[in-house]
Amino acid sequence: MAEPEFHKLETFENRYPDREYEIDISCPEFTCVCPKTGQPDFGTIRIKYVPGRLCIELKSLKLYIYSYRGVGTFHEHVTNKILDDIVSACSPVSAVVTGDFNVRGGIKTVVTASYERD
């Protein structure tokens, strides 16, 4: 099965690369599809990162997040994939992605994945 097409995460130059500061982004309208049942899953994706030389451009992030709407994926996988894509796009000093998924079938899931630059 082919990998789904995701919108490209774009970046812009961080004007304060020598200062550590945190960027905290919330995407409360995240949707994907359960790969077992085909039913929609809803949740909030939270991204916190300390930028290095680059920052994530927010419109491209929005389009990237919307790319998941028809994708069948587990909560654990999508949270880690988003983290991998953030790290790949902007090489942050550190990053944390939290997938806070709505209750479905009587179960609530919160997945947190983190990255620290060596």
N, C-alpha and C. Protein backbone atom coordinates (compact mmCIF):
# COMPACT_ATOMS: atom_id res chain seq x y z
N MET A 1 0.84 -1.19 0.00
CA MET A 1 0.00 0.00 0.00
C MET A 1 0.88 1.24 0.00
N ALA A 2 0.56 2.21 -0.84
CA ALA A 2 1.36 3.43 -0.98
C ALA A 2 1.16 4.34 0.23
N GLU A 3 2.20 5.07 0.56
CA GLU A 3 2.13 6.06 1.64
C GLU A 3 1.21 7.21 1.20
N PRO A 4 0.30 7.67 2.08
CA PRO A 4 -0.58 8.78 1.71
C PRO A 4 0.23 10.04 1.42
N GLU A 5 -0.33 10.93 0.60
CA GLU A 5 0.31 12.21 0.29
C GLU A 5 -0.01 13.21 1.39
N PHE A 6 1.01 13.76 2.02
CA PHE A 6 0.83 14.77 3.05
C PHE A 6 1.32 16.11 2.52
N HIS A 7 0.61 17.17 2.90
CA HIS A 7 1.03 18.51 2.50
C HIS A 7 2.41 18.78 3.11
N LYS A 8 3.27 19.45 2.37
CA LYS A 8 4.64 19.74 2.81
C LYS A 8 4.64 20.78 3.92
N LEU A 9 5.38 20.50 4.97
CA LEU A 9 5.58 21.48 6.04
C LEU A 9 6.61 22.50 5.58
N GLU A 10 6.22 23.74 5.56
CA GLU A 10 7.13 24.82 5.16
C GLU A 10 7.69 25.49 6.41
N THR A 11 8.82 26.15 6.24
CA THR A 11 9.49 26.80 7.37
C THR A 11 9.87 28.23 7.00
N PHE A 12 10.25 28.97 8.03
CA PHE A 12 10.83 30.30 7.81
C PHE A 12 11.96 30.47 8.82
N GLU A 13 12.86 31.40 8.52
CA GLU A 13 14.04 31.61 9.35
C GLU A 13 13.66 32.16 10.73
N ASN A 14 14.23 31.57 11.76
CA ASN A 14 14.07 32.04 13.13
C ASN A 14 15.01 33.23 13.33
N ARG A 15 14.46 34.39 13.64
CA ARG A 15 15.29 35.58 13.83
C ARG A 15 16.00 35.60 15.18
N TYR A 16 15.65 34.64 16.06
CA TYR A 16 16.27 34.58 17.38
C TYR A 16 16.82 33.18 17.66
N PRO A 17 17.69 32.67 16.79
CA PRO A 17 18.18 31.30 16.96
C PRO A 17 19.06 31.10 18.20
N ASP A 18 19.61 32.17 18.77
CA ASP A 18 20.47 32.06 19.94
C ASP A 18 19.68 32.11 21.25
N ARG A 19 18.38 32.35 21.14
CA ARG A 19 17.53 32.41 22.33
C ARG A 19 16.62 31.19 22.33
N GLU A 20 16.60 30.46 23.44
CA GLU A 20 15.67 29.34 23.53
C GLU A 20 14.31 29.86 23.98
N TYR A 21 13.31 29.65 23.17
CA TYR A 21 11.94 29.99 23.51
C TYR A 21 11.04 28.90 22.95
N GLU A 22 9.88 28.76 23.54
CA GLU A 22 8.98 27.67 23.17
C GLU A 22 7.82 28.18 22.32
N ILE A 23 7.51 27.43 21.29
CA ILE A 23 6.34 27.69 20.46
C ILE A 23 5.33 26.58 20.78
N ASP A 24 4.11 26.98 21.13
CA ASP A 24 3.07 26.06 21.57
C ASP A 24 1.88 26.21 20.61
N ILE A 25 1.57 25.15 19.87
CA ILE A 25 0.53 25.18 18.84
C ILE A 25 -0.53 24.14 19.18
N SER A 26 -1.79 24.52 19.05
CA SER A 26 -2.89 23.59 19.27
C SER A 26 -3.71 23.46 17.99
N CYS A 27 -3.98 22.23 17.59
CA CYS A 27 -4.78 21.94 16.40
C CYS A 27 -6.00 21.15 16.86
N PRO A 28 -7.09 21.85 17.26
CA PRO A 28 -8.23 21.18 17.90
C PRO A 28 -9.19 20.49 16.94
N GLU A 29 -8.94 20.55 15.65
CA GLU A 29 -9.85 19.94 14.69
C GLU A 29 -9.21 18.78 13.93
N PHE A 30 -8.33 18.03 14.60
CA PHE A 30 -7.65 16.92 13.95
C PHE A 30 -8.63 15.77 13.71
N THR A 31 -8.58 15.21 12.53
CA THR A 31 -9.35 14.01 12.22
C THR A 31 -8.51 13.05 11.41
N CYS A 32 -8.73 11.77 11.65
CA CYS A 32 -8.16 10.69 10.86
C CYS A 32 -9.20 9.58 10.87
N VAL A 33 -8.83 8.41 10.39
CA VAL A 33 -9.77 7.30 10.29
C VAL A 33 -9.19 6.10 11.03
N CYS A 34 -10.02 5.40 11.79
CA CYS A 34 -9.59 4.18 12.46
C CYS A 34 -9.28 3.13 11.39
N PRO A 35 -8.07 2.56 11.41
CA PRO A 35 -7.72 1.58 10.38
C PRO A 35 -8.44 0.24 10.55
N LYS A 36 -9.02 -0.01 11.71
CA LYS A 36 -9.75 -1.26 11.95
C LYS A 36 -11.21 -1.17 11.52
N THR A 37 -11.85 -0.04 11.87
CA THR A 37 -13.30 0.07 11.64
C THR A 37 -13.67 0.99 10.48
N GLY A 38 -12.75 1.86 10.08
CA GLY A 38 -13.06 2.85 9.05
C GLY A 38 -13.85 4.04 9.58
N GLN A 39 -14.08 4.08 10.89
CA GLN A 39 -14.82 5.18 11.51
C GLN A 39 -13.89 6.38 11.73
N PRO A 40 -14.45 7.59 11.71
CA PRO A 40 -13.61 8.77 11.94
C PRO A 40 -13.16 8.87 13.39
N ASP A 41 -11.94 9.34 13.58
CA ASP A 41 -11.40 9.65 14.90
C ASP A 41 -11.16 11.15 14.96
N PHE A 42 -11.46 11.75 16.09
CA PHE A 42 -11.30 13.18 16.29
C PHE A 42 -10.41 13.43 17.48
N GLY A 43 -9.70 14.54 17.46
CA GLY A 43 -8.86 14.87 18.60
C GLY A 43 -8.18 16.21 18.43
N THR A 44 -7.34 16.51 19.39
CA THR A 44 -6.53 17.72 19.39
C THR A 44 -5.07 17.31 19.33
N ILE A 45 -4.34 17.90 18.41
CA ILE A 45 -2.89 17.70 18.34
C ILE A 45 -2.24 18.95 18.92
N ARG A 46 -1.36 18.75 19.91
CA ARG A 46 -0.61 19.86 20.49
C ARG A 46 0.85 19.66 20.14
N ILE A 47 1.44 20.74 19.66
CA ILE A 47 2.86 20.72 19.28
C ILE A 47 3.57 21.80 20.08
N LYS A 48 4.57 21.41 20.85
CA LYS A 48 5.42 22.36 21.57
C LYS A 48 6.84 22.11 21.10
N TYR A 49 7.50 23.17 20.67
CA TYR A 49 8.89 22.98 20.26
C TYR A 49 9.71 24.22 20.53
N VAL A 50 11.00 23.98 20.72
CA VAL A 50 11.99 25.05 20.85
C VAL A 50 12.69 25.10 19.50
N PRO A 51 12.51 26.19 18.74
CA PRO A 51 13.08 26.22 17.40
C PRO A 51 14.60 26.37 17.43
N GLY A 52 15.20 25.85 16.38
CA GLY A 52 16.61 26.09 16.13
C GLY A 52 16.71 27.21 15.12
N ARG A 53 17.22 26.91 13.95
CA ARG A 53 17.39 27.90 12.89
C ARG A 53 16.08 28.20 12.15
N LEU A 54 15.11 27.25 12.21
CA LEU A 54 13.87 27.38 11.44
C LEU A 54 12.64 27.23 12.33
N CYS A 55 11.55 27.86 11.89
CA CYS A 55 10.24 27.72 12.53
C CYS A 55 9.26 27.16 11.50
N ILE A 56 8.24 26.46 11.98
CA ILE A 56 7.20 25.92 11.10
C ILE A 56 6.23 27.03 10.73
N GLU A 57 5.93 27.14 9.44
CA GLU A 57 4.95 28.10 8.96
C GLU A 57 3.55 27.54 9.21
N LEU A 58 2.68 28.33 9.84
CA LEU A 58 1.41 27.81 10.36
C LEU A 58 0.39 27.42 9.29
N LYS A 59 0.31 28.13 8.19
CA LYS A 59 -0.65 27.72 7.16
C LYS A 59 -0.28 26.36 6.58
N SER A 60 1.00 26.13 6.37
CA SER A 60 1.42 24.81 5.87
C SER A 60 1.16 23.73 6.91
N LEU A 61 1.29 24.06 8.20
CA LEU A 61 0.97 23.10 9.25
C LEU A 61 -0.51 22.75 9.22
N LYS A 62 -1.35 23.76 9.05
CA LYS A 62 -2.79 23.52 8.96
C LYS A 62 -3.12 22.58 7.81
N LEU A 63 -2.55 22.82 6.65
CA LEU A 63 -2.81 21.97 5.49
C LEU A 63 -2.23 20.57 5.69
N TYR A 64 -1.09 20.48 6.35
CA TYR A 64 -0.49 19.19 6.68
C TYR A 64 -1.43 18.40 7.61
N ILE A 65 -1.92 19.05 8.65
CA ILE A 65 -2.84 18.40 9.60
C ILE A 65 -4.10 17.94 8.87
N TYR A 66 -4.64 18.77 7.97
CA TYR A 66 -5.84 18.39 7.21
C TYR A 66 -5.58 17.20 6.30
N SER A 67 -4.33 16.96 5.94
CA SER A 67 -3.98 15.82 5.07
C SER A 67 -4.34 14.47 5.69
N TYR A 68 -4.50 14.44 7.00
CA TYR A 68 -4.80 13.18 7.70
C TYR A 68 -6.28 12.80 7.67
N ARG A 69 -7.14 13.66 7.18
CA ARG A 69 -8.59 13.43 7.28
C ARG A 69 -9.05 12.09 6.73
N GLY A 70 -8.47 11.61 5.66
CA GLY A 70 -8.89 10.34 5.08
C GLY A 70 -7.93 9.20 5.33
N VAL A 71 -6.94 9.41 6.20
CA VAL A 71 -5.88 8.43 6.41
C VAL A 71 -6.25 7.48 7.54
N GLY A 72 -6.16 6.20 7.29
CA GLY A 72 -6.36 5.19 8.32
C GLY A 72 -5.08 5.01 9.11
N THR A 73 -5.10 5.37 10.39
CA THR A 73 -3.90 5.30 11.21
C THR A 73 -4.26 5.17 12.68
N PHE A 74 -3.40 4.50 13.42
CA PHE A 74 -3.58 4.38 14.86
C PHE A 74 -3.10 5.65 15.55
N HIS A 75 -3.68 5.97 16.71
CA HIS A 75 -3.32 7.18 17.45
C HIS A 75 -1.83 7.23 17.76
N GLU A 76 -1.28 6.08 18.15
CA GLU A 76 0.14 6.02 18.50
C GLU A 76 1.02 6.34 17.29
N HIS A 77 0.63 5.82 16.14
CA HIS A 77 1.43 6.03 14.93
C HIS A 77 1.35 7.46 14.44
N VAL A 78 0.16 8.03 14.43
CA VAL A 78 0.01 9.38 13.88
C VAL A 78 0.74 10.40 14.75
N THR A 79 0.70 10.22 16.06
CA THR A 79 1.40 11.15 16.96
C THR A 79 2.90 11.12 16.70
N ASN A 80 3.47 9.93 16.58
CA ASN A 80 4.90 9.80 16.31
C ASN A 80 5.26 10.27 14.90
N LYS A 81 4.40 10.05 13.92
CA LYS A 81 4.66 10.51 12.54
C LYS A 81 4.70 12.03 12.49
N ILE A 82 3.76 12.68 13.17
CA ILE A 82 3.75 14.15 13.19
C ILE A 82 5.04 14.66 13.83
N LEU A 83 5.47 14.05 14.94
CA LEU A 83 6.73 14.45 15.56
C LEU A 83 7.89 14.27 14.58
N ASP A 84 7.97 13.12 13.92
CA ASP A 84 9.06 12.88 12.96
C ASP A 84 9.06 13.93 11.86
N ASP A 85 7.88 14.29 11.36
CA ASP A 85 7.80 15.27 10.28
C ASP A 85 8.17 16.68 10.75
N ILE A 86 7.81 17.04 11.98
CA ILE A 86 8.21 18.34 12.55
C ILE A 86 9.73 18.40 12.67
N VAL A 87 10.32 17.35 13.23
CA VAL A 87 11.77 17.29 13.41
C VAL A 87 12.48 17.36 12.07
N SER A 88 11.97 16.63 11.09
CA SER A 88 12.57 16.61 9.76
C SER A 88 12.49 17.98 9.08
N ALA A 89 11.38 18.67 9.28
CA ALA A 89 11.18 19.97 8.61
C ALA A 89 12.02 21.09 9.19
N CYS A 90 12.14 21.14 10.53
CA CYS A 90 12.77 22.34 11.10
C CYS A 90 13.92 22.09 12.07
N SER A 91 14.29 20.83 12.31
CA SER A 91 15.41 20.51 13.22
C SER A 91 15.36 21.31 14.52
N PRO A 92 14.30 21.15 15.31
CA PRO A 92 14.20 21.93 16.54
C PRO A 92 15.20 21.48 17.59
N VAL A 93 15.38 22.32 18.59
CA VAL A 93 16.20 21.96 19.75
C VAL A 93 15.51 20.83 20.50
N SER A 94 14.19 20.96 20.65
CA SER A 94 13.38 19.93 21.28
C SER A 94 11.95 20.07 20.77
N ALA A 95 11.19 18.99 20.89
CA ALA A 95 9.79 19.02 20.45
C ALA A 95 9.00 17.96 21.19
N VAL A 96 7.73 18.29 21.45
CA VAL A 96 6.79 17.35 22.05
C VAL A 96 5.49 17.45 21.26
N VAL A 97 4.97 16.31 20.83
CA VAL A 97 3.68 16.26 20.16
C VAL A 97 2.76 15.40 21.02
N THR A 98 1.59 15.95 21.33
CA THR A 98 0.59 15.23 22.11
C THR A 98 -0.66 15.08 21.27
N GLY A 99 -1.11 13.85 21.11
CA GLY A 99 -2.38 13.57 20.46
C GLY A 99 -3.40 13.26 21.55
N ASP A 100 -4.36 14.16 21.73
CA ASP A 100 -5.41 14.01 22.74
C ASP A 100 -6.70 13.67 22.00
N PHE A 101 -7.01 12.38 21.91
CA PHE A 101 -8.10 11.90 21.07
C PHE A 101 -9.40 11.78 21.85
N ASN A 102 -10.51 12.10 21.18
CA ASN A 102 -11.82 12.03 21.80
C ASN A 102 -12.18 10.59 22.16
N VAL A 103 -13.08 10.47 23.12
CA VAL A 103 -13.56 9.16 23.54
C VAL A 103 -14.26 8.48 22.36
N ARG A 104 -13.92 7.21 22.16
CA ARG A 104 -14.59 6.40 21.14
C ARG A 104 -14.64 4.97 21.65
N GLY A 105 -15.83 4.40 21.66
CA GLY A 105 -15.98 3.05 22.18
C GLY A 105 -15.69 2.95 23.67
N GLY A 106 -15.89 4.06 24.39
CA GLY A 106 -15.67 4.07 25.83
C GLY A 106 -14.22 4.22 26.25
N ILE A 107 -13.32 4.50 25.30
CA ILE A 107 -11.90 4.63 25.63
C ILE A 107 -11.36 5.97 25.14
N LYS A 108 -10.63 6.65 26.02
CA LYS A 108 -9.96 7.90 25.66
C LYS A 108 -8.47 7.63 25.59
N THR A 109 -7.83 8.18 24.58
CA THR A 109 -6.40 7.96 24.39
C THR A 109 -5.68 9.30 24.33
N VAL A 110 -4.57 9.41 25.05
CA VAL A 110 -3.66 10.55 24.95
C VAL A 110 -2.27 9.96 24.72
N VAL A 111 -1.65 10.36 23.62
CA VAL A 111 -0.32 9.85 23.25
C VAL A 111 0.63 11.04 23.22
N THR A 112 1.79 10.91 23.87
CA THR A 112 2.81 11.96 23.87
C THR A 112 4.12 11.40 23.36
N ALA A 113 4.68 12.07 22.36
CA ALA A 113 5.99 11.68 21.80
C ALA A 113 6.91 12.89 21.90
N SER A 114 8.18 12.65 22.24
CA SER A 114 9.09 13.77 22.42
C SER A 114 10.43 13.53 21.73
N TYR A 115 11.12 14.64 21.49
CA TYR A 115 12.41 14.63 20.81
C TYR A 115 13.33 15.65 21.49
N GLU A 116 14.59 15.28 21.68
CA GLU A 116 15.64 16.20 22.16
C GLU A 116 16.82 16.07 21.21
N ARG A 117 17.31 17.19 20.70
CA ARG A 117 18.49 17.18 19.85
C ARG A 117 19.69 16.72 20.65
N ASP A 118 20.54 15.93 20.02
CA ASP A 118 21.76 15.44 20.69
C ASP A 118 22.75 16.54 20.92
